[in-house]
Amino acid sequence: MAAWDDFVLVGHIARPHGHRGQVIVTPRTDFAAERFAPGATIWVLRKGVPTALVVQDARFHKERPVLTLEGVASMNDALELHGVEIRVPPETQVALPDGRYYHHDLIGCEVVTVDGREIGAVKAVEGAVGAQHLVVAADGKKDVLVPLAWSICVEIDPVGKRIAIDPPDGLLELNA
């Protein structure tokens, strides 16, 4: 099995729900219905130890899963999980179509311009779908925000950890 740091973040336990151990989850996945379906296995750190929990029941309330988890039977059990990250092994990820990437695959990629100028490494991907941007840590400077758009990010190679950009005039200077 992969190390905890290699597991993929799919949500956080926001808070307990009710007195029977249910929890409300803030999902961090585009596949929440599948990821948190009854019978699915999710992983959390309990007292520093990666622990598998099986989803016994799930329903959605305001687009957030409300889960009943195996071994979490009381409000006190649920309170112990408050704020805990929910992760899954990397091999359980859903395959994405060409041209789509998981955020964690882009983090750490080196960003360079098409003419070879090094900008920095991606440290985060932020924004809503359709308006996302890369947060690039420029050496000793303010972060550079690069729109995640095909017209700008002309080559994305998560395996090679490289993103080539063709920024419009003034984009890189905008963040200086």
Protein backbone atom coordinates (compact mmCIF):
# COMPACT_ATOMS: atom_id res chain seq x y z
CA MET A 1 0.00 0.00 0.00
CA ALA A 2 1.12 3.58 -0.70
CA ALA A 3 2.40 5.88 2.04
CA TRP A 4 -0.11 8.32 3.58
CA ASP A 5 1.52 11.27 1.82
CA ASP A 6 0.88 9.54 -1.51
CA PHE A 7 -2.81 9.06 -0.78
CA VAL A 8 -5.16 11.43 -2.62
CA LEU A 9 -7.23 13.99 -0.72
CA VAL A 10 -10.95 13.61 -1.50
CA GLY A 11 -12.53 15.55 1.36
CA HIS A 12 -12.58 16.68 4.97
CA ILE A 13 -14.91 15.70 7.77
CA ALA A 14 -16.61 19.00 8.52
CA ARG A 15 -18.55 18.06 11.61
CA PRO A 16 -20.73 15.45 13.30
CA HIS A 17 -24.38 15.21 12.29
CA GLY A 18 -26.90 14.03 14.85
CA HIS A 19 -26.18 11.77 17.79
CA ARG A 20 -25.66 8.45 16.00
CA GLY A 21 -22.17 9.09 14.67
CA GLN A 22 -22.96 10.44 11.22
CA VAL A 23 -20.57 13.01 9.75
CA ILE A 24 -20.92 15.77 7.19
CA VAL A 25 -18.16 15.83 4.60
CA THR A 26 -16.78 18.73 2.61
CA PRO A 27 -15.88 16.95 -0.64
CA ARG A 28 -12.68 17.75 -2.55
CA THR A 29 -13.50 15.56 -5.53
CA ASP A 30 -15.56 15.83 -8.69
CA PHE A 31 -16.75 12.27 -8.05
CA ALA A 32 -18.39 12.65 -4.61
CA ALA A 33 -21.38 10.41 -5.38
CA GLU A 34 -19.11 7.53 -6.35
CA ARG A 35 -16.36 8.18 -3.80
CA PHE A 36 -18.75 8.31 -0.82
CA ALA A 37 -21.26 5.66 -1.95
CA PRO A 38 -22.31 2.89 0.47
CA GLY A 39 -19.66 0.17 0.46
CA ALA A 40 -16.84 2.54 -0.50
CA THR A 41 -13.68 2.53 1.59
CA ILE A 42 -12.18 5.84 2.66
CA TRP A 43 -9.07 6.46 4.74
CA VAL A 44 -8.43 8.81 7.65
CA LEU A 45 -5.60 9.33 10.11
CA ARG A 46 -6.72 8.20 13.55
CA LYS A 47 -4.16 8.88 16.26
CA GLY A 48 -1.51 9.14 13.54
CA VAL A 49 -2.37 5.79 11.96
CA PRO A 50 -3.97 5.47 8.48
CA THR A 51 -7.31 3.79 9.11
CA ALA A 52 -9.79 2.42 6.57
CA LEU A 53 -13.45 3.21 7.14
CA VAL A 54 -16.27 1.69 5.13
CA VAL A 55 -19.20 3.90 4.18
CA GLN A 56 -22.34 2.14 5.44
CA ASP A 57 -24.84 4.74 4.30
CA ALA A 58 -24.70 8.05 2.45
CA ARG A 59 -27.05 10.81 1.49
CA PHE A 60 -26.48 14.32 0.22
CA HIS A 61 -27.66 17.51 1.90
CA LYS A 62 -26.91 20.78 0.09
CA GLU A 63 -24.34 18.99 -2.12
CA ARG A 64 -22.41 17.65 0.87
CA PRO A 65 -22.33 13.96 1.79
CA VAL A 66 -23.75 12.92 5.16
CA LEU A 67 -22.07 9.60 5.94
CA THR A 68 -22.62 6.72 8.30
CA LEU A 69 -19.23 5.07 8.75
CA GLU A 70 -18.45 1.60 10.05
CA GLY A 71 -17.09 1.87 13.61
CA VAL A 72 -18.35 5.43 14.14
CA ALA A 73 -21.46 4.88 16.25
CA SER A 74 -21.79 7.92 18.51
CA MET A 75 -21.49 11.68 18.49
CA ASN A 76 -18.26 11.34 20.47
CA ASP A 77 -16.83 8.99 17.81
CA ALA A 78 -17.80 11.52 15.14
CA LEU A 79 -16.32 14.42 17.12
CA GLU A 80 -12.94 12.64 17.10
CA LEU A 81 -13.03 12.88 13.29
CA HIS A 82 -13.86 16.60 13.12
CA GLY A 83 -11.55 18.31 10.60
CA VAL A 84 -9.81 15.08 9.57
CA GLU A 85 -8.74 14.68 5.95
CA ILE A 86 -10.34 11.90 3.93
CA ARG A 87 -7.96 10.25 1.48
CA VAL A 88 -7.89 7.28 -0.85
CA PRO A 89 -5.05 5.23 -2.34
CA PRO A 90 -3.84 6.69 -5.65
CA GLU A 91 -4.71 3.53 -7.57
CA THR A 92 -8.42 4.12 -6.84
CA GLN A 93 -8.56 7.38 -8.79
CA VAL A 94 -11.00 7.63 -11.64
CA ALA A 95 -9.24 7.88 -15.01
CA LEU A 96 -9.72 11.34 -16.51
CA PRO A 97 -10.20 12.07 -20.19
CA ASP A 98 -7.30 13.53 -22.17
CA GLY A 99 -6.65 17.13 -21.31
CA ARG A 100 -8.06 16.87 -17.76
CA TYR A 101 -5.78 16.70 -14.73
CA TYR A 102 -6.04 16.18 -11.03
CA HIS A 103 -4.82 19.19 -9.06
CA HIS A 104 -2.33 17.06 -7.12
CA ASP A 105 -0.77 15.99 -10.45
CA LEU A 106 -0.10 19.65 -11.36
CA ILE A 107 1.34 20.64 -7.99
CA GLY A 108 5.13 20.51 -8.17
CA CYS A 109 5.27 20.95 -11.94
CA GLU A 110 7.90 23.42 -13.13
CA VAL A 111 6.40 26.26 -15.15
CA VAL A 112 8.43 27.65 -18.04
CA THR A 113 7.57 29.98 -20.89
CA VAL A 114 7.64 28.64 -24.45
CA ASP A 115 10.89 30.55 -24.99
CA GLY A 116 12.49 28.73 -22.02
CA ARG A 117 12.24 31.30 -19.21
CA GLU A 118 11.80 29.55 -15.84
CA ILE A 119 8.94 30.92 -13.76
CA GLY A 120 8.76 28.54 -10.76
CA ALA A 121 6.90 25.53 -9.42
CA VAL A 122 3.13 25.11 -9.06
CA LYS A 123 2.25 25.15 -5.37
CA ALA A 124 -1.55 25.15 -5.70
CA VAL A 125 -4.47 25.18 -8.11
CA GLU A 126 -7.23 27.58 -7.09
CA GLY A 127 -10.56 28.83 -8.35
CA ALA A 128 -13.81 27.37 -9.56
CA VAL A 129 -14.08 25.11 -12.59
CA GLY A 130 -13.75 27.24 -15.71
CA ALA A 131 -11.89 29.98 -13.82
CA GLN A 132 -8.98 28.10 -12.29
CA HIS A 133 -5.43 29.35 -12.03
CA LEU A 134 -2.06 27.93 -11.11
CA VAL A 135 -0.33 29.48 -8.11
CA VAL A 136 3.33 29.45 -9.09
CA ALA A 137 6.04 30.06 -6.48
CA ALA A 138 8.49 32.36 -8.27
CA ASP A 139 12.00 32.34 -6.82
CA GLY A 140 12.03 34.85 -3.98
CA LYS A 141 9.19 36.86 -5.46
CA LYS A 142 5.46 37.11 -5.03
CA ASP A 143 3.47 34.14 -6.30
CA VAL A 144 2.55 34.30 -9.96
CA LEU A 145 -1.05 33.47 -10.88
CA VAL A 146 -1.38 31.80 -14.27
CA PRO A 147 -4.85 31.11 -15.69
CA LEU A 148 -5.33 27.41 -16.34
CA ALA A 149 -6.44 27.92 -19.93
CA TRP A 150 -5.36 26.10 -23.09
CA SER A 151 -4.46 29.39 -24.77
CA ILE A 152 -1.91 30.05 -22.00
CA CYS A 153 -0.92 26.60 -20.69
CA VAL A 154 0.03 25.23 -24.09
CA GLU A 155 1.80 22.09 -22.86
CA ILE A 156 0.97 20.21 -19.66
CA ASP A 157 3.10 17.18 -18.80
CA PRO A 158 2.30 16.00 -15.26
CA VAL A 159 4.47 12.89 -15.64
CA GLY A 160 7.49 15.01 -16.63
CA LYS A 161 6.43 17.63 -14.03
CA ARG A 162 6.51 20.47 -16.60
CA ILE A 163 4.04 23.06 -17.83
CA ALA A 164 4.93 25.32 -20.76
CA ILE A 165 3.04 28.61 -20.91
CA ASP A 166 2.59 31.24 -23.59
CA PRO A 167 1.54 34.18 -21.41
CA PRO A 168 -0.09 37.24 -22.92
CA ASP A 169 1.88 40.47 -22.63
CA GLY A 170 1.89 41.76 -19.07
CA LEU A 171 0.57 38.60 -17.34
CA LEU A 172 3.78 37.74 -15.53
CA GLU A 173 4.48 41.37 -14.64
CA LEU A 174 0.95 41.75 -13.24
CA ASN A 175 1.94 39.73 -10.19
CA ALA A 176 5.29 41.48 -9.61
